[in-house]
Amino acid sequence: MAKFYANSNNGVTAVMTEEAYLKLEERRTLIAETERKGLGTPNLPQIGPIFTFGRGEHRSFKCLTGSTIVMNRLLDDHEVLHGNIWVPFSNGAELGIHGREEQQFELQFMTSLDEAVEAFGLMPSDI
């Protein structure tokens, strides 16, 4: 049994592996320390992957990793904790409604079902 972290917003659930989530927390700590020392905010790469799931009728379903049904199957027999995770594809940026730059930023978080199956330790036939 593995540990995963999840957070939801506007019908999208974001899920991260424990390894990725711990890296995210380290990144947050580093940013807070540099800001506290008056060094400004460092330009660090984003941490991922962030797997995203929602209902088939969600406006951005084509950008998501899969459906909530698939998510539930992937998370079976795993521990799932609430995490402070930004939820991609939950505010329309991927559709370009906040501008092209925001759209490009958001789309870099797309993950495939194959990537999720590997991260969750399953075989494709398990889904």
C-alpha atoms as a PDB file:
ATOM      1  CA  MET A   1       0.000   0.000   0.000  1.00  0.00           C
ATOM      2  CA  ALA A   2       1.370   3.388  -1.031  1.00  0.00           C
ATOM      3  CA  LYS A   3       0.512   6.871   0.188  1.00  0.00           C
ATOM      4  CA  PHE A   4      -1.008   9.509  -2.083  1.00  0.00           C
ATOM      5  CA  TYR A   5      -2.092  13.098  -1.531  1.00  0.00           C
ATOM      6  CA  ALA A   6      -5.216  14.619  -3.076  1.00  0.00           C
ATOM      7  CA  ASN A   7      -7.032  17.932  -3.315  1.00  0.00           C
ATOM      8  CA  SER A   8     -10.141  18.996  -5.254  1.00  0.00           C
ATOM      9  CA  ASN A   9     -11.446  22.166  -6.858  1.00  0.00           C
ATOM     10  CA  ASN A  10     -14.398  22.816  -9.190  1.00  0.00           C
ATOM     11  CA  GLY A  11     -14.999  19.153  -9.977  1.00  0.00           C
ATOM     12  CA  VAL A  12     -11.359  18.216 -10.559  1.00  0.00           C
ATOM     13  CA  THR A  13      -9.310  16.125  -8.144  1.00  0.00           C
ATOM     14  CA  ALA A  14      -5.529  16.375  -8.214  1.00  0.00           C
ATOM     15  CA  VAL A  15      -3.480  13.433  -6.915  1.00  0.00           C
ATOM     16  CA  MET A  16       0.245  13.217  -6.255  1.00  0.00           C
ATOM     17  CA  THR A  17       2.464  10.350  -5.168  1.00  0.00           C
ATOM     18  CA  GLU A  18       4.048  10.648  -1.748  1.00  0.00           C
ATOM     19  CA  GLU A  19       7.476  11.132  -3.357  1.00  0.00           C
ATOM     20  CA  ALA A  20       6.271  14.037  -5.515  1.00  0.00           C
ATOM     21  CA  TYR A  21       4.352  15.577  -2.619  1.00  0.00           C
ATOM     22  CA  LEU A  22       7.407  15.528  -0.356  1.00  0.00           C
ATOM     23  CA  LYS A  23       9.395  17.295  -3.103  1.00  0.00           C
ATOM     24  CA  LEU A  24       6.600  19.862  -3.340  1.00  0.00           C
ATOM     25  CA  GLU A  25       6.806  20.477   0.416  1.00  0.00           C
ATOM     26  CA  GLU A  26      10.611  20.855   0.186  1.00  0.00           C
ATOM     27  CA  ARG A  27      10.121  23.408  -2.599  1.00  0.00           C
ATOM     28  CA  ARG A  28       7.645  25.369  -0.475  1.00  0.00           C
ATOM     29  CA  THR A  29      10.057  25.380   2.458  1.00  0.00           C
ATOM     30  CA  LEU A  30      12.918  26.610   0.280  1.00  0.00           C
ATOM     31  CA  ILE A  31      10.782  29.413  -1.157  1.00  0.00           C
ATOM     32  CA  ALA A  32       9.600  30.476   2.309  1.00  0.00           C
ATOM     33  CA  GLU A  33      13.183  30.500   3.649  1.00  0.00           C
ATOM     34  CA  THR A  34      14.539  32.603   0.785  1.00  0.00           C
ATOM     35  CA  GLU A  35      11.668  35.067   1.087  1.00  0.00           C
ATOM     36  CA  ARG A  36      12.131  35.265   4.869  1.00  0.00           C
ATOM     37  CA  LYS A  37      15.801  36.130   4.321  1.00  0.00           C
ATOM     38  CA  GLY A  38      14.812  38.895   1.902  1.00  0.00           C
ATOM     39  CA  LEU A  39      16.256  37.083  -1.115  1.00  0.00           C
ATOM     40  CA  GLY A  40      13.043  37.180  -3.112  1.00  0.00           C
ATOM     41  CA  THR A  41      11.195  34.282  -4.639  1.00  0.00           C
ATOM     42  CA  PRO A  42      13.455  31.832  -6.472  1.00  0.00           C
ATOM     43  CA  ASN A  43      12.405  30.722  -9.929  1.00  0.00           C
ATOM     44  CA  LEU A  44      12.148  26.967  -9.356  1.00  0.00           C
ATOM     45  CA  PRO A  45      10.656  24.344 -11.660  1.00  0.00           C
ATOM     46  CA  GLN A  46       7.199  23.018 -10.909  1.00  0.00           C
ATOM     47  CA  ILE A  47       6.913  19.686  -9.095  1.00  0.00           C
ATOM     48  CA  GLY A  48       4.952  16.841 -10.602  1.00  0.00           C
ATOM     49  CA  PRO A  49       3.443  14.813 -11.876  1.00  0.00           C
ATOM     50  CA  ILE A  50       0.014  15.924 -10.763  1.00  0.00           C
ATOM     51  CA  PHE A  51      -2.622  13.446 -11.905  1.00  0.00           C
ATOM     52  CA  THR A  52      -6.053  14.971 -12.490  1.00  0.00           C
ATOM     53  CA  PHE A  53      -9.456  13.315 -12.530  1.00  0.00           C
ATOM     54  CA  GLY A  54     -13.035  14.400 -13.046  1.00  0.00           C
ATOM     55  CA  ARG A  55     -16.386  13.478 -14.502  1.00  0.00           C
ATOM     56  CA  GLY A  56     -16.646  12.814 -18.212  1.00  0.00           C
ATOM     57  CA  GLU A  57     -18.770  15.895 -18.767  1.00  0.00           C
ATOM     58  CA  HIS A  58     -16.258  18.277 -17.138  1.00  0.00           C
ATOM     59  CA  ARG A  59     -15.409  21.090 -19.571  1.00  0.00           C
ATOM     60  CA  SER A  60     -11.714  20.166 -19.478  1.00  0.00           C
ATOM     61  CA  PHE A  61     -12.021  16.386 -19.402  1.00  0.00           C
ATOM     62  CA  LYS A  62      -9.743  16.018 -22.454  1.00  0.00           C
ATOM     63  CA  CYS A  63      -6.904  17.522 -20.364  1.00  0.00           C
ATOM     64  CA  LEU A  64      -7.430  15.230 -17.364  1.00  0.00           C
ATOM     65  CA  THR A  65      -5.635  11.986 -16.633  1.00  0.00           C
ATOM     66  CA  GLY A  66      -8.941  10.149 -16.394  1.00  0.00           C
ATOM     67  CA  SER A  67     -12.368   9.870 -14.847  1.00  0.00           C
ATOM     68  CA  THR A  68     -13.186   9.758 -11.154  1.00  0.00           C
ATOM     69  CA  ILE A  69     -14.141   6.105 -11.658  1.00  0.00           C
ATOM     70  CA  VAL A  70     -10.594   5.389 -12.863  1.00  0.00           C
ATOM     71  CA  MET A  71      -9.174   7.461  -9.991  1.00  0.00           C
ATOM     72  CA  ASN A  72     -11.104   5.428  -7.436  1.00  0.00           C
ATOM     73  CA  ARG A  73      -9.807   2.211  -8.991  1.00  0.00           C
ATOM     74  CA  LEU A  74      -6.236   3.516  -9.006  1.00  0.00           C
ATOM     75  CA  LEU A  75      -6.478   4.529  -5.362  1.00  0.00           C
ATOM     76  CA  ASP A  76      -8.036   1.256  -4.169  1.00  0.00           C
ATOM     77  CA  ASP A  77      -5.921  -0.261  -1.384  1.00  0.00           C
ATOM     78  CA  HIS A  78      -3.818   2.909  -1.017  1.00  0.00           C
ATOM     79  CA  GLU A  79      -3.764   5.496   1.741  1.00  0.00           C
ATOM     80  CA  VAL A  80      -5.048   8.874   0.502  1.00  0.00           C
ATOM     81  CA  LEU A  81      -4.411  12.014   2.533  1.00  0.00           C
ATOM     82  CA  HIS A  82      -5.521  15.582   1.921  1.00  0.00           C
ATOM     83  CA  GLY A  83      -2.667  17.617   0.494  1.00  0.00           C
ATOM     84  CA  ASN A  84      -2.075  21.266  -0.248  1.00  0.00           C
ATOM     85  CA  ILE A  85      -1.925  20.680  -3.992  1.00  0.00           C
ATOM     86  CA  TRP A  86      -2.703  23.160  -6.745  1.00  0.00           C
ATOM     87  CA  VAL A  87      -5.437  21.624  -8.938  1.00  0.00           C
ATOM     88  CA  PRO A  88      -4.710  22.030 -12.659  1.00  0.00           C
ATOM     89  CA  PHE A  89      -7.619  22.297 -15.114  1.00  0.00           C
ATOM     90  CA  SER A  90     -10.074  23.485 -12.469  1.00  0.00           C
ATOM     91  CA  ASN A  91     -10.334  27.192 -13.309  1.00  0.00           C
ATOM     92  CA  GLY A  92     -10.459  27.352 -17.107  1.00  0.00           C
ATOM     93  CA  ALA A  93      -6.883  28.513 -17.713  1.00  0.00           C
ATOM     94  CA  GLU A  94      -6.309  25.489 -19.972  1.00  0.00           C
ATOM     95  CA  LEU A  95      -9.097  26.810 -22.215  1.00  0.00           C
ATOM     96  CA  GLY A  96      -7.324  30.126 -22.689  1.00  0.00           C
ATOM     97  CA  ILE A  97      -9.858  32.224 -20.768  1.00  0.00           C
ATOM     98  CA  HIS A  98      -7.052  33.758 -18.650  1.00  0.00           C
ATOM     99  CA  GLY A  99      -4.741  34.391 -21.606  1.00  0.00           C
ATOM    100  CA  ARG A 100      -2.283  32.421 -23.703  1.00  0.00           C
ATOM    101  CA  GLU A 101       0.539  32.428 -21.144  1.00  0.00           C
ATOM    102  CA  GLU A 102      -1.696  30.980 -18.421  1.00  0.00           C
ATOM    103  CA  GLN A 103      -3.005  28.402 -20.885  1.00  0.00           C
ATOM    104  CA  GLN A 104       0.500  27.235 -21.809  1.00  0.00           C
ATOM    105  CA  PHE A 105       1.482  27.050 -18.137  1.00  0.00           C
ATOM    106  CA  GLU A 106      -1.567  24.957 -17.271  1.00  0.00           C
ATOM    107  CA  LEU A 107      -1.220  22.552 -20.195  1.00  0.00           C
ATOM    108  CA  GLN A 108       2.254  21.488 -19.069  1.00  0.00           C
ATOM    109  CA  PHE A 109       0.545  19.567 -16.250  1.00  0.00           C
ATOM    110  CA  MET A 110      -1.265  17.117 -18.533  1.00  0.00           C
ATOM    111  CA  THR A 111      -0.529  13.495 -17.635  1.00  0.00           C
ATOM    112  CA  SER A 112      -1.552  10.306 -19.369  1.00  0.00           C
ATOM    113  CA  LEU A 113      -3.387   7.355 -17.942  1.00  0.00           C
ATOM    114  CA  ASP A 114      -0.303   5.242 -18.710  1.00  0.00           C
ATOM    115  CA  GLU A 115       1.780   7.517 -16.462  1.00  0.00           C
ATOM    116  CA  ALA A 116      -0.805   7.167 -13.701  1.00  0.00           C
ATOM    117  CA  VAL A 117      -0.980   3.390 -13.998  1.00  0.00           C
ATOM    118  CA  GLU A 118       2.794   3.232 -13.604  1.00  0.00           C
ATOM    119  CA  ALA A 119       2.842   5.664 -10.646  1.00  0.00           C
ATOM    120  CA  PHE A 120       0.023   3.806  -8.889  1.00  0.00           C
ATOM    121  CA  GLY A 121       1.759   0.469  -9.363  1.00  0.00           C
ATOM    122  CA  LEU A 122      -0.906  -1.196 -11.486  1.00  0.00           C
ATOM    123  CA  MET A 123      -1.006  -3.039 -14.766  1.00  0.00           C
ATOM    124  CA  PRO A 124      -3.283  -1.640 -17.504  1.00  0.00           C
ATOM    125  CA  SER A 125      -5.441  -4.747 -17.194  1.00  0.00           C
ATOM    126  CA  ASP A 126      -6.097  -3.865 -13.512  1.00  0.00           C
ATOM    127  CA  ILE A 127      -8.202  -0.836 -14.407  1.00  0.00           C
END
